[in-house]
Amino acid sequence: KTIVLKISGELFSKKDDSFFNKDFALEFVKQIKILKEKCNIGIVIGGGNFFRWKTDGKSLNLNRSTADNVGMLATVMNAVALQQALLNIGVEARVQSAIPISPIAEPYVRMRAVKHLQASRVVIFAAGTGNPFFTTDTAASLRAAEINVNLLIKATKVDGVYDSDPMSNPQAKRYEQVSYDQILQERL
């Protein structure tokens, strides 16, 4: 079995505004090591602990493409840190980036990713899809489809689809079910 785990970069941040919570990261890699005994694992990691377009990009008056490029680089930083944390506890891991960034990470190549997974290495997919305007959630879905995984799991701070940001709006409505057409009509 192969799974792809999408994890929010924000989960790696601390409440005190520091960028990286080493305690969470250490616990996370220990859990990956345990899970690794049962299946092959790909991980798509966000970069929200370093940079977010909705807050940082807008406050800096960056256009969306530029802000998304910065966000892609933030995911690479998280991926490289996560790779080293996994290696430190004896879990083989590779980082594949959707944007060329050697020698920091391999380029994303689907067949190479599959071979790493077959060799029981964790593959960390960085830089989203490599394109602005697409989230790392989209990248997780794309990579999962490309490498034909059995399960895609999303682990973020938000537990579903809402009509607005539940972190800033306590009145946000959570949808139990939502159709594709509804997502488009209501701009969810």
C-alpha atoms as a PDB file:
ATOM      1  CA  LYS A   1       0.000   0.000   0.000  1.00  0.00           C
ATOM      2  CA  THR A   2       1.041   3.561  -0.680  1.00  0.00           C
ATOM      3  CA  ILE A   3      -0.396   6.685   0.901  1.00  0.00           C
ATOM      4  CA  VAL A   4       0.132  10.388   0.407  1.00  0.00           C
ATOM      5  CA  LEU A   5      -0.107  12.546   3.485  1.00  0.00           C
ATOM      6  CA  LYS A   6      -0.740  16.260   2.986  1.00  0.00           C
ATOM      7  CA  ILE A   7       0.381  18.205   6.014  1.00  0.00           C
ATOM      8  CA  SER A   8      -0.035  21.894   6.607  1.00  0.00           C
ATOM      9  CA  GLY A   9       3.122  23.907   7.153  1.00  0.00           C
ATOM     10  CA  GLU A  10       1.233  25.779   9.846  1.00  0.00           C
ATOM     11  CA  LEU A  11       1.246  22.630  11.966  1.00  0.00           C
ATOM     12  CA  PHE A  12       5.015  23.014  12.217  1.00  0.00           C
ATOM     13  CA  SER A  13       4.816  26.536  13.654  1.00  0.00           C
ATOM     14  CA  LYS A  14       4.656  27.408  17.330  1.00  0.00           C
ATOM     15  CA  LYS A  15       2.065  29.601  18.980  1.00  0.00           C
ATOM     16  CA  ASP A  16       4.845  32.074  19.888  1.00  0.00           C
ATOM     17  CA  ASP A  17       5.287  32.972  16.182  1.00  0.00           C
ATOM     18  CA  SER A  18       8.519  31.010  15.726  1.00  0.00           C
ATOM     19  CA  PHE A  19       8.717  29.369  12.342  1.00  0.00           C
ATOM     20  CA  PHE A  20       9.476  25.779  13.280  1.00  0.00           C
ATOM     21  CA  ASN A  21       8.299  23.689  16.215  1.00  0.00           C
ATOM     22  CA  LYS A  22      11.029  21.083  16.645  1.00  0.00           C
ATOM     23  CA  ASP A  23       9.022  19.169  19.260  1.00  0.00           C
ATOM     24  CA  PHE A  24       6.128  18.692  16.832  1.00  0.00           C
ATOM     25  CA  ALA A  25       8.527  17.777  14.020  1.00  0.00           C
ATOM     26  CA  LEU A  26      10.248  15.130  16.158  1.00  0.00           C
ATOM     27  CA  GLU A  27       6.930  13.590  17.189  1.00  0.00           C
ATOM     28  CA  PHE A  28       5.707  13.693  13.588  1.00  0.00           C
ATOM     29  CA  VAL A  29       8.734  11.821  12.210  1.00  0.00           C
ATOM     30  CA  LYS A  30       8.433   9.193  14.949  1.00  0.00           C
ATOM     31  CA  GLN A  31       4.837   8.592  13.839  1.00  0.00           C
ATOM     32  CA  ILE A  32       5.964   8.389  10.190  1.00  0.00           C
ATOM     33  CA  LYS A  33       8.553   5.769  11.180  1.00  0.00           C
ATOM     34  CA  ILE A  34       5.824   3.657  12.808  1.00  0.00           C
ATOM     35  CA  LEU A  35       3.477   4.078   9.830  1.00  0.00           C
ATOM     36  CA  LYS A  36       6.344   3.217   7.473  1.00  0.00           C
ATOM     37  CA  GLU A  37       6.207  -0.373   8.746  1.00  0.00           C
ATOM     38  CA  LYS A  38       2.753  -0.759   7.163  1.00  0.00           C
ATOM     39  CA  CYS A  39       2.920   1.217   3.925  1.00  0.00           C
ATOM     40  CA  ASN A  40       4.940   3.400   1.592  1.00  0.00           C
ATOM     41  CA  ILE A  41       4.572   7.110   2.247  1.00  0.00           C
ATOM     42  CA  GLY A  42       4.620  10.245   0.162  1.00  0.00           C
ATOM     43  CA  ILE A  43       4.303  13.580   1.958  1.00  0.00           C
ATOM     44  CA  VAL A  44       3.205  16.923   0.558  1.00  0.00           C
ATOM     45  CA  ILE A  45       4.031  19.696   2.990  1.00  0.00           C
ATOM     46  CA  GLY A  46       2.775  23.247   2.970  1.00  0.00           C
ATOM     47  CA  GLY A  47       4.765  26.374   3.775  1.00  0.00           C
ATOM     48  CA  GLY A  48       2.291  28.359   5.874  1.00  0.00           C
ATOM     49  CA  ASN A  49       4.591  28.471   8.881  1.00  0.00           C
ATOM     50  CA  PHE A  50       6.959  30.644   6.823  1.00  0.00           C
ATOM     51  CA  PHE A  51       4.734  32.497   4.370  1.00  0.00           C
ATOM     52  CA  ARG A  52       1.055  32.831   3.478  1.00  0.00           C
ATOM     53  CA  TRP A  53      -0.303  34.810   0.553  1.00  0.00           C
ATOM     54  CA  LYS A  54      -3.488  35.866   2.334  1.00  0.00           C
ATOM     55  CA  THR A  55      -1.535  37.570   5.114  1.00  0.00           C
ATOM     56  CA  ASP A  56       2.121  38.048   4.208  1.00  0.00           C
ATOM     57  CA  GLY A  57       1.756  38.458   0.454  1.00  0.00           C
ATOM     58  CA  LYS A  58      -1.072  40.964   0.705  1.00  0.00           C
ATOM     59  CA  SER A  59       0.596  42.986   3.472  1.00  0.00           C
ATOM     60  CA  LEU A  60       3.771  43.211   1.358  1.00  0.00           C
ATOM     61  CA  ASN A  61       1.687  44.164  -1.687  1.00  0.00           C
ATOM     62  CA  LEU A  62       3.038  41.241  -3.708  1.00  0.00           C
ATOM     63  CA  ASN A  63       1.191  40.130  -6.797  1.00  0.00           C
ATOM     64  CA  ARG A  64      -0.256  36.649  -6.462  1.00  0.00           C
ATOM     65  CA  SER A  65       2.281  34.934  -8.730  1.00  0.00           C
ATOM     66  CA  THR A  66       5.229  36.365  -6.805  1.00  0.00           C
ATOM     67  CA  ALA A  67       3.639  35.512  -3.468  1.00  0.00           C
ATOM     68  CA  ASP A  68       2.956  31.942  -4.614  1.00  0.00           C
ATOM     69  CA  ASN A  69       6.588  31.579  -5.712  1.00  0.00           C
ATOM     70  CA  VAL A  70       7.684  32.609  -2.214  1.00  0.00           C
ATOM     71  CA  GLY A  71       5.234  30.064  -0.799  1.00  0.00           C
ATOM     72  CA  MET A  72       6.699  27.327  -2.991  1.00  0.00           C
ATOM     73  CA  LEU A  73      10.141  28.102  -1.603  1.00  0.00           C
ATOM     74  CA  ALA A  74       8.710  27.913   1.924  1.00  0.00           C
ATOM     75  CA  THR A  75       7.530  24.357   1.204  1.00  0.00           C
ATOM     76  CA  VAL A  76      11.041  23.446   0.091  1.00  0.00           C
ATOM     77  CA  MET A  77      12.458  24.687   3.411  1.00  0.00           C
ATOM     78  CA  ASN A  78       9.974  22.526   5.315  1.00  0.00           C
ATOM     79  CA  ALA A  79      10.635  19.525   3.081  1.00  0.00           C
ATOM     80  CA  VAL A  80      14.402  19.682   3.552  1.00  0.00           C
ATOM     81  CA  ALA A  81      14.028  20.045   7.340  1.00  0.00           C
ATOM     82  CA  LEU A  82      11.573  17.137   7.419  1.00  0.00           C
ATOM     83  CA  GLN A  83      13.892  14.987   5.306  1.00  0.00           C
ATOM     84  CA  GLN A  84      16.776  15.570   7.713  1.00  0.00           C
ATOM     85  CA  ALA A  85      14.572  14.804  10.728  1.00  0.00           C
ATOM     86  CA  LEU A  86      13.553  11.505   9.097  1.00  0.00           C
ATOM     87  CA  LEU A  87      17.152  10.635   8.197  1.00  0.00           C
ATOM     88  CA  ASN A  88      18.192  11.373  11.794  1.00  0.00           C
ATOM     89  CA  ILE A  89      15.939   8.587  13.059  1.00  0.00           C
ATOM     90  CA  GLY A  90      16.936   6.098  10.373  1.00  0.00           C
ATOM     91  CA  VAL A  91      14.121   6.612   7.842  1.00  0.00           C
ATOM     92  CA  GLU A  92      15.312   6.944   4.257  1.00  0.00           C
ATOM     93  CA  ALA A  93      13.731   9.975   2.614  1.00  0.00           C
ATOM     94  CA  ARG A  94      14.026  11.952  -0.596  1.00  0.00           C
ATOM     95  CA  VAL A  95      12.810  15.441  -1.464  1.00  0.00           C
ATOM     96  CA  GLN A  96      11.432  15.999  -4.942  1.00  0.00           C
ATOM     97  CA  SER A  97      10.706  19.568  -5.981  1.00  0.00           C
ATOM     98  CA  ALA A  98       8.253  20.740  -8.632  1.00  0.00           C
ATOM     99  CA  ILE A  99      10.631  23.641  -9.354  1.00  0.00           C
ATOM    100  CA  PRO A 100      14.305  23.084 -10.251  1.00  0.00           C
ATOM    101  CA  ILE A 101      16.337  23.642  -7.107  1.00  0.00           C
ATOM    102  CA  SER A 102      19.286  21.264  -7.262  1.00  0.00           C
ATOM    103  CA  PRO A 103      21.400  20.408  -5.341  1.00  0.00           C
ATOM    104  CA  ILE A 104      18.858  20.943  -2.532  1.00  0.00           C
ATOM    105  CA  ALA A 105      16.238  18.584  -3.959  1.00  0.00           C
ATOM    106  CA  GLU A 106      15.719  16.211  -6.833  1.00  0.00           C
ATOM    107  CA  PRO A 107      13.409  17.397  -9.585  1.00  0.00           C
ATOM    108  CA  TYR A 108       9.962  15.820  -9.408  1.00  0.00           C
ATOM    109  CA  VAL A 109       9.899  12.893 -11.816  1.00  0.00           C
ATOM    110  CA  ARG A 110       6.937  10.569 -11.441  1.00  0.00           C
ATOM    111  CA  MET A 111       8.773   7.326 -12.217  1.00  0.00           C
ATOM    112  CA  ARG A 112      11.644   8.261  -9.900  1.00  0.00           C
ATOM    113  CA  ALA A 113       9.140   8.940  -7.111  1.00  0.00           C
ATOM    114  CA  VAL A 114       7.538   5.536  -7.688  1.00  0.00           C
ATOM    115  CA  LYS A 115      10.956   3.830  -7.584  1.00  0.00           C
ATOM    116  CA  HIS A 116      11.821   5.587  -4.302  1.00  0.00           C
ATOM    117  CA  LEU A 117       8.520   4.434  -2.818  1.00  0.00           C
ATOM    118  CA  GLN A 118       9.096   0.875  -4.049  1.00  0.00           C
ATOM    119  CA  ALA A 119      12.533   1.021  -2.381  1.00  0.00           C
ATOM    120  CA  SER A 120      10.743   1.904   0.879  1.00  0.00           C
ATOM    121  CA  ARG A 121      11.875   5.523   0.972  1.00  0.00           C
ATOM    122  CA  VAL A 122       9.602   8.333   2.118  1.00  0.00           C
ATOM    123  CA  VAL A 123       9.163  10.809  -0.724  1.00  0.00           C
ATOM    124  CA  ILE A 124       8.574  14.424   0.274  1.00  0.00           C
ATOM    125  CA  PHE A 125       7.020  16.446  -2.531  1.00  0.00           C
ATOM    126  CA  ALA A 126       8.009  20.120  -2.348  1.00  0.00           C
ATOM    127  CA  ALA A 127       7.091  23.332  -4.199  1.00  0.00           C
ATOM    128  CA  GLY A 128       3.464  22.382  -4.738  1.00  0.00           C
ATOM    129  CA  THR A 129       2.659  21.871  -8.413  1.00  0.00           C
ATOM    130  CA  GLY A 130       5.358  24.361  -9.425  1.00  0.00           C
ATOM    131  CA  ASN A 131       2.679  26.784 -10.612  1.00  0.00           C
ATOM    132  CA  PRO A 132       1.177  29.845  -8.968  1.00  0.00           C
ATOM    133  CA  PHE A 133      -2.543  29.846  -8.117  1.00  0.00           C
ATOM    134  CA  PHE A 134      -2.522  26.171  -7.061  1.00  0.00           C
ATOM    135  CA  THR A 135      -2.414  25.155  -3.407  1.00  0.00           C
ATOM    136  CA  THR A 136      -0.411  22.364  -1.854  1.00  0.00           C
ATOM    137  CA  ASP A 137      -3.768  20.620  -1.361  1.00  0.00           C
ATOM    138  CA  THR A 138      -4.034  20.553  -5.148  1.00  0.00           C
ATOM    139  CA  ALA A 139      -0.450  19.272  -5.351  1.00  0.00           C
ATOM    140  CA  ALA A 140      -1.292  16.465  -2.916  1.00  0.00           C
ATOM    141  CA  SER A 141      -4.244  15.385  -5.056  1.00  0.00           C
ATOM    142  CA  LEU A 142      -2.174  15.593  -8.224  1.00  0.00           C
ATOM    143  CA  ARG A 143       0.780  13.611  -6.834  1.00  0.00           C
ATOM    144  CA  ALA A 144      -1.553  10.999  -5.332  1.00  0.00           C
ATOM    145  CA  ALA A 145      -3.247  10.516  -8.713  1.00  0.00           C
ATOM    146  CA  GLU A 146       0.057  10.436 -10.594  1.00  0.00           C
ATOM    147  CA  ILE A 147       1.654   7.772  -8.407  1.00  0.00           C
ATOM    148  CA  ASN A 148      -1.595   5.804  -8.026  1.00  0.00           C
ATOM    149  CA  VAL A 149      -1.842   5.744  -4.240  1.00  0.00           C
ATOM    150  CA  ASN A 150      -4.349   3.808  -2.162  1.00  0.00           C
ATOM    151  CA  LEU A 151      -5.164   6.676   0.195  1.00  0.00           C
ATOM    152  CA  LEU A 152      -4.731  10.457   0.412  1.00  0.00           C
ATOM    153  CA  ILE A 153      -4.902  11.942   3.913  1.00  0.00           C
ATOM    154  CA  LYS A 154      -5.057  15.663   4.633  1.00  0.00           C
ATOM    155  CA  ALA A 155      -3.763  16.782   8.037  1.00  0.00           C
ATOM    156  CA  THR A 156      -4.305  20.484   8.555  1.00  0.00           C
ATOM    157  CA  LYS A 157      -5.680  22.847  11.178  1.00  0.00           C
ATOM    158  CA  VAL A 158      -9.065  23.032   9.426  1.00  0.00           C
ATOM    159  CA  ASP A 159     -11.306  19.970   9.636  1.00  0.00           C
ATOM    160  CA  GLY A 160     -13.375  20.411   6.497  1.00  0.00           C
ATOM    161  CA  VAL A 161     -14.841  22.820   3.951  1.00  0.00           C
ATOM    162  CA  TYR A 162     -16.288  26.073   5.320  1.00  0.00           C
ATOM    163  CA  ASP A 163     -18.019  29.094   3.811  1.00  0.00           C
ATOM    164  CA  SER A 164     -15.297  31.328   5.345  1.00  0.00           C
ATOM    165  CA  ASP A 165     -12.126  30.938   7.391  1.00  0.00           C
ATOM    166  CA  PRO A 166     -13.102  29.252  10.678  1.00  0.00           C
ATOM    167  CA  MET A 167      -9.892  30.498  12.312  1.00  0.00           C
ATOM    168  CA  SER A 168     -10.964  34.120  11.925  1.00  0.00           C
ATOM    169  CA  ASN A 169     -14.764  33.717  11.764  1.00  0.00           C
ATOM    170  CA  PRO A 170     -16.344  31.785  14.653  1.00  0.00           C
ATOM    171  CA  GLN A 171     -19.652  31.858  12.721  1.00  0.00           C
ATOM    172  CA  ALA A 172     -18.177  30.020   9.723  1.00  0.00           C
ATOM    173  CA  LYS A 173     -20.490  27.294   8.421  1.00  0.00           C
ATOM    174  CA  ARG A 174     -18.982  23.817   7.998  1.00  0.00           C
ATOM    175  CA  TYR A 175     -20.325  21.725   5.123  1.00  0.00           C
ATOM    176  CA  GLU A 176     -20.932  18.049   5.820  1.00  0.00           C
ATOM    177  CA  GLN A 177     -21.227  17.426   2.082  1.00  0.00           C
ATOM    178  CA  VAL A 178     -20.418  19.676  -0.825  1.00  0.00           C
ATOM    179  CA  SER A 179     -20.697  19.177  -4.561  1.00  0.00           C
ATOM    180  CA  TYR A 180     -18.281  20.421  -7.172  1.00  0.00           C
ATOM    181  CA  ASP A 181     -20.958  22.746  -8.581  1.00  0.00           C
ATOM    182  CA  GLN A 182     -21.643  24.140  -5.100  1.00  0.00           C
ATOM    183  CA  ILE A 183     -17.947  24.840  -4.576  1.00  0.00           C
ATOM    184  CA  LEU A 184     -17.901  26.845  -7.797  1.00  0.00           C
ATOM    185  CA  GLN A 185     -21.203  28.656  -7.210  1.00  0.00           C
ATOM    186  CA  GLU A 186     -20.417  29.644  -3.629  1.00  0.00           C
ATOM    187  CA  ARG A 187     -16.692  30.202  -4.302  1.00  0.00           C
ATOM    188  CA  LEU A 188     -15.716  27.884  -1.462  1.00  0.00           C
END
